[in-house]
Amino acid sequence: MPGTAGANGAPGSGARYRLQISKVTSVVFFTRRVTLNLTGTLSELEAAYRKVLRHNLLAGWWGFPFGVVWTPMVLVRNRKALAKLHELATGNDLPSQTSG
């Protein structure tokens, strides 16, 4: 599912996570969208996100009509996936444990 992130271990600097982001490449009437399933530490995945973001901003827009449509869509989905990754890394989405 696009925009998903999952934890494999407890939150922290050594924890490994999954991140699914998309990359768009366009040239005139040719547009290619590739989904990347990445695994790594938070810093590794943030670096991969920045690299894909740069690629999408530079190479995603140049195809008609799909580059113009897919690039903004992918930018939003990738940003949401990164936000979800940060939630997992900080433990904000873990259910609260209350004794009762």
N, C-alpha and C. Protein backbone atom coordinates (compact mmCIF):
# COMPACT_ATOMS: atom_id res chain seq x y z
N MET A 1 0.84 -1.18 0.00
CA MET A 1 0.00 0.00 0.00
C MET A 1 0.89 1.24 0.00
N PRO A 2 0.71 2.18 -0.92
CA PRO A 2 1.54 3.37 -0.97
C PRO A 2 1.43 4.18 0.31
N GLY A 3 2.55 4.70 0.72
CA GLY A 3 2.56 5.56 1.88
C GLY A 3 2.56 4.83 3.20
N THR A 4 2.98 3.59 3.24
CA THR A 4 2.99 2.88 4.50
C THR A 4 4.40 2.85 5.06
N ALA A 5 4.47 2.80 6.36
CA ALA A 5 5.75 2.64 7.03
C ALA A 5 5.52 1.70 8.19
N GLY A 6 6.48 0.86 8.48
CA GLY A 6 6.32 -0.09 9.56
C GLY A 6 7.60 -0.23 10.35
N ALA A 7 7.47 -0.55 11.62
CA ALA A 7 8.64 -0.69 12.48
C ALA A 7 9.01 -2.15 12.61
N ASN A 8 10.28 -2.38 12.72
CA ASN A 8 10.80 -3.72 12.98
C ASN A 8 11.74 -3.60 14.18
N GLY A 9 11.16 -3.50 15.36
CA GLY A 9 11.95 -3.31 16.56
C GLY A 9 11.45 -2.12 17.32
N ALA A 10 12.03 -1.90 18.48
CA ALA A 10 11.61 -0.79 19.33
C ALA A 10 12.11 0.52 18.76
N PRO A 11 11.36 1.62 19.01
CA PRO A 11 11.82 2.93 18.54
C PRO A 11 13.19 3.24 19.12
N GLY A 12 14.01 3.87 18.34
CA GLY A 12 15.35 4.22 18.78
C GLY A 12 16.28 4.32 17.59
N SER A 13 17.51 4.69 17.85
CA SER A 13 18.45 4.94 16.75
C SER A 13 18.81 3.67 15.98
N GLY A 14 18.77 2.49 16.63
CA GLY A 14 19.14 1.27 15.95
C GLY A 14 17.96 0.53 15.34
N ALA A 15 16.75 1.02 15.55
CA ALA A 15 15.56 0.34 15.04
C ALA A 15 15.54 0.41 13.52
N ARG A 16 14.99 -0.63 12.90
CA ARG A 16 14.88 -0.69 11.45
C ARG A 16 13.42 -0.51 11.08
N TYR A 17 13.18 0.22 10.02
CA TYR A 17 11.83 0.55 9.58
C TYR A 17 11.69 0.24 8.10
N ARG A 18 10.43 0.17 7.66
CA ARG A 18 10.11 0.02 6.24
C ARG A 18 9.44 1.31 5.78
N LEU A 19 9.75 1.70 4.55
CA LEU A 19 9.16 2.89 3.97
C LEU A 19 8.86 2.61 2.51
N GLN A 20 7.64 2.90 2.09
CA GLN A 20 7.26 2.71 0.69
C GLN A 20 7.02 4.09 0.09
N ILE A 21 7.84 4.44 -0.91
CA ILE A 21 7.71 5.72 -1.59
C ILE A 21 7.78 5.49 -3.10
N SER A 22 7.34 6.49 -3.85
CA SER A 22 7.31 6.37 -5.31
C SER A 22 8.22 7.39 -5.95
N LYS A 23 8.73 7.02 -7.12
CA LYS A 23 9.65 7.84 -7.88
C LYS A 23 9.07 8.01 -9.28
N VAL A 24 9.00 9.26 -9.77
CA VAL A 24 8.44 9.55 -11.10
C VAL A 24 9.53 10.12 -11.99
N THR A 25 9.63 9.56 -13.19
CA THR A 25 10.57 10.05 -14.20
C THR A 25 9.76 10.33 -15.46
N SER A 26 9.91 11.54 -16.03
CA SER A 26 9.14 11.93 -17.21
C SER A 26 10.01 12.58 -18.26
N VAL A 27 9.71 12.26 -19.53
CA VAL A 27 10.33 12.91 -20.67
C VAL A 27 9.26 13.04 -21.74
N VAL A 28 8.84 14.23 -22.04
CA VAL A 28 7.83 14.58 -23.03
C VAL A 28 6.58 13.70 -22.90
N PHE A 29 6.43 12.66 -23.71
CA PHE A 29 5.22 11.82 -23.65
C PHE A 29 5.45 10.49 -22.94
N PHE A 30 6.56 10.36 -22.25
CA PHE A 30 6.88 9.14 -21.52
C PHE A 30 6.98 9.47 -20.04
N THR A 31 6.23 8.75 -19.23
CA THR A 31 6.30 8.91 -17.78
C THR A 31 6.36 7.54 -17.15
N ARG A 32 7.25 7.39 -16.18
CA ARG A 32 7.43 6.12 -15.48
C ARG A 32 7.32 6.37 -13.98
N ARG A 33 6.49 5.57 -13.33
CA ARG A 33 6.34 5.66 -11.87
C ARG A 33 6.77 4.33 -11.27
N VAL A 34 7.70 4.38 -10.33
CA VAL A 34 8.24 3.19 -9.69
C VAL A 34 8.01 3.29 -8.18
N THR A 35 7.52 2.21 -7.59
CA THR A 35 7.34 2.17 -6.14
C THR A 35 8.55 1.48 -5.53
N LEU A 36 9.14 2.14 -4.54
CA LEU A 36 10.32 1.61 -3.85
C LEU A 36 9.92 1.16 -2.46
N ASN A 37 10.28 -0.06 -2.10
CA ASN A 37 10.08 -0.58 -0.76
C ASN A 37 11.44 -0.62 -0.08
N LEU A 38 11.65 0.29 0.86
CA LEU A 38 12.95 0.46 1.48
C LEU A 38 12.92 0.00 2.93
N THR A 39 14.04 -0.50 3.41
CA THR A 39 14.20 -0.89 4.80
C THR A 39 15.49 -0.29 5.31
N GLY A 40 15.46 0.27 6.52
CA GLY A 40 16.68 0.85 7.08
C GLY A 40 16.39 1.58 8.36
N THR A 41 17.40 2.25 8.86
CA THR A 41 17.23 3.06 10.06
C THR A 41 16.51 4.36 9.67
N LEU A 42 16.09 5.10 10.65
CA LEU A 42 15.39 6.36 10.39
C LEU A 42 16.24 7.29 9.54
N SER A 43 17.50 7.44 9.89
CA SER A 43 18.36 8.36 9.13
C SER A 43 18.59 7.87 7.70
N GLU A 44 18.73 6.56 7.50
CA GLU A 44 18.90 6.01 6.15
C GLU A 44 17.66 6.26 5.30
N LEU A 45 16.49 6.07 5.89
CA LEU A 45 15.25 6.26 5.14
C LEU A 45 14.98 7.74 4.87
N GLU A 46 15.36 8.61 5.79
CA GLU A 46 15.22 10.05 5.54
C GLU A 46 16.13 10.48 4.38
N ALA A 47 17.33 9.94 4.33
CA ALA A 47 18.25 10.25 3.23
C ALA A 47 17.69 9.74 1.90
N ALA A 48 17.13 8.54 1.90
CA ALA A 48 16.52 7.98 0.68
C ALA A 48 15.32 8.82 0.25
N TYR A 49 14.52 9.26 1.22
CA TYR A 49 13.37 10.12 0.91
C TYR A 49 13.84 11.41 0.24
N ARG A 50 14.88 12.05 0.79
CA ARG A 50 15.38 13.30 0.21
C ARG A 50 15.89 13.09 -1.22
N LYS A 51 16.55 11.96 -1.46
CA LYS A 51 17.06 11.66 -2.80
C LYS A 51 15.91 11.48 -3.79
N VAL A 52 14.88 10.74 -3.39
CA VAL A 52 13.71 10.53 -4.26
C VAL A 52 12.95 11.84 -4.45
N LEU A 53 12.83 12.65 -3.39
CA LEU A 53 12.16 13.95 -3.51
C LEU A 53 12.87 14.81 -4.54
N ARG A 54 14.19 14.89 -4.45
CA ARG A 54 14.97 15.69 -5.40
C ARG A 54 14.74 15.18 -6.83
N HIS A 55 14.77 13.85 -7.00
CA HIS A 55 14.54 13.27 -8.33
C HIS A 55 13.15 13.64 -8.85
N ASN A 56 12.13 13.49 -8.00
CA ASN A 56 10.76 13.79 -8.42
C ASN A 56 10.61 15.26 -8.80
N LEU A 57 11.22 16.15 -8.02
CA LEU A 57 11.11 17.57 -8.32
C LEU A 57 11.83 17.96 -9.60
N LEU A 58 12.94 17.29 -9.89
CA LEU A 58 13.72 17.63 -11.09
C LEU A 58 13.27 16.87 -12.33
N ALA A 59 12.88 15.62 -12.20
CA ALA A 59 12.61 14.78 -13.37
C ALA A 59 11.17 14.32 -13.51
N GLY A 60 10.32 14.64 -12.55
CA GLY A 60 8.97 14.11 -12.59
C GLY A 60 7.97 14.89 -13.41
N TRP A 61 8.19 16.17 -13.60
CA TRP A 61 7.19 17.06 -14.19
C TRP A 61 7.15 17.06 -15.71
N TRP A 62 8.14 16.54 -16.37
CA TRP A 62 8.37 16.84 -17.77
C TRP A 62 7.55 16.01 -18.76
N GLY A 63 6.73 15.11 -18.30
CA GLY A 63 5.90 14.31 -19.20
C GLY A 63 4.47 14.79 -19.22
N PHE A 64 3.84 14.71 -20.38
CA PHE A 64 2.44 15.11 -20.50
C PHE A 64 1.63 13.91 -20.96
N PRO A 65 0.52 13.61 -20.33
CA PRO A 65 -0.10 14.31 -19.21
C PRO A 65 0.27 13.73 -17.85
N PHE A 66 0.85 12.52 -17.82
CA PHE A 66 0.97 11.83 -16.54
C PHE A 66 2.02 12.42 -15.61
N GLY A 67 3.09 12.98 -16.11
CA GLY A 67 4.09 13.59 -15.24
C GLY A 67 3.50 14.72 -14.43
N VAL A 68 2.64 15.50 -15.07
CA VAL A 68 2.01 16.64 -14.41
C VAL A 68 0.97 16.17 -13.38
N VAL A 69 0.39 15.01 -13.60
CA VAL A 69 -0.61 14.46 -12.68
C VAL A 69 0.04 13.64 -11.57
N TRP A 70 0.93 12.73 -11.94
CA TRP A 70 1.50 11.80 -10.97
C TRP A 70 2.47 12.48 -10.00
N THR A 71 3.25 13.45 -10.48
CA THR A 71 4.27 14.04 -9.61
C THR A 71 3.68 14.68 -8.36
N PRO A 72 2.67 15.56 -8.46
CA PRO A 72 2.10 16.12 -7.22
C PRO A 72 1.49 15.04 -6.32
N MET A 73 0.84 14.05 -6.94
CA MET A 73 0.23 12.97 -6.19
C MET A 73 1.30 12.18 -5.40
N VAL A 74 2.39 11.88 -6.06
CA VAL A 74 3.48 11.13 -5.43
C VAL A 74 4.16 11.97 -4.35
N LEU A 75 4.32 13.25 -4.58
CA LEU A 75 4.94 14.12 -3.57
C LEU A 75 4.13 14.11 -2.27
N VAL A 76 2.80 14.17 -2.39
CA VAL A 76 1.94 14.16 -1.21
C VAL A 76 1.99 12.79 -0.52
N ARG A 77 1.88 11.72 -1.29
CA ARG A 77 1.92 10.37 -0.70
C ARG A 77 3.26 10.09 -0.01
N ASN A 78 4.35 10.49 -0.65
CA ASN A 78 5.66 10.26 -0.05
C ASN A 78 5.82 11.07 1.24
N ARG A 79 5.30 12.28 1.26
CA ARG A 79 5.39 13.11 2.47
C ARG A 79 4.58 12.48 3.60
N LYS A 80 3.41 11.94 3.28
CA LYS A 80 2.60 11.26 4.29
C LYS A 80 3.31 10.02 4.82
N ALA A 81 3.98 9.29 3.94
CA ALA A 81 4.72 8.10 4.36
C ALA A 81 5.86 8.49 5.30
N LEU A 82 6.53 9.60 5.01
CA LEU A 82 7.61 10.07 5.89
C LEU A 82 7.06 10.50 7.25
N ALA A 83 5.90 11.16 7.24
CA ALA A 83 5.27 11.56 8.51
C ALA A 83 4.91 10.33 9.34
N LYS A 84 4.37 9.30 8.68
CA LYS A 84 4.03 8.06 9.38
C LYS A 84 5.29 7.39 9.94
N LEU A 85 6.37 7.43 9.20
CA LEU A 85 7.63 6.89 9.67
C LEU A 85 8.09 7.61 10.93
N HIS A 86 7.99 8.93 10.92
CA HIS A 86 8.38 9.70 12.11
C HIS A 86 7.49 9.37 13.31
N GLU A 87 6.20 9.16 13.07
CA GLU A 87 5.30 8.74 14.16
C GLU A 87 5.75 7.41 14.75
N LEU A 88 6.08 6.46 13.87
CA LEU A 88 6.53 5.15 14.35
C LEU A 88 7.84 5.26 15.11
N ALA A 89 8.74 6.09 14.60
CA ALA A 89 10.06 6.22 15.22
C ALA A 89 9.98 6.86 16.60
N THR A 90 9.03 7.76 16.78
CA THR A 90 8.90 8.42 18.09
C THR A 90 7.94 7.69 19.00
N GLY A 91 7.24 6.68 18.47
CA GLY A 91 6.32 5.89 19.29
C GLY A 91 4.98 6.57 19.51
N ASN A 92 4.66 7.61 18.73
CA ASN A 92 3.41 8.33 18.92
C ASN A 92 2.18 7.54 18.51
N ASP A 93 2.34 6.50 17.69
CA ASP A 93 1.17 5.75 17.25
C ASP A 93 0.99 4.46 18.04
N LEU A 94 1.80 4.27 19.07
CA LEU A 94 1.65 3.07 19.90
C LEU A 94 0.47 3.23 20.82
N PRO A 95 -0.32 2.20 21.05
CA PRO A 95 -1.47 2.32 21.94
C PRO A 95 -1.00 2.59 23.37
N SER A 96 -1.74 3.44 24.05
CA SER A 96 -1.36 3.74 25.43
C SER A 96 -1.66 2.55 26.30
N GLN A 97 -0.81 2.31 27.24
CA GLN A 97 -0.98 1.18 28.14
C GLN A 97 -1.48 1.69 29.49
N THR A 98 -2.71 1.39 29.77
CA THR A 98 -3.29 1.80 31.05
C THR A 98 -3.71 0.55 31.80
N SER A 99 -3.50 0.59 33.07
CA SER A 99 -3.94 -0.54 33.89
C SER A 99 -5.29 -0.20 34.48
N GLY A 100 -6.15 -1.15 34.49
CA GLY A 100 -7.47 -0.81 34.96
C GLY A 100 -8.18 -1.90 35.54
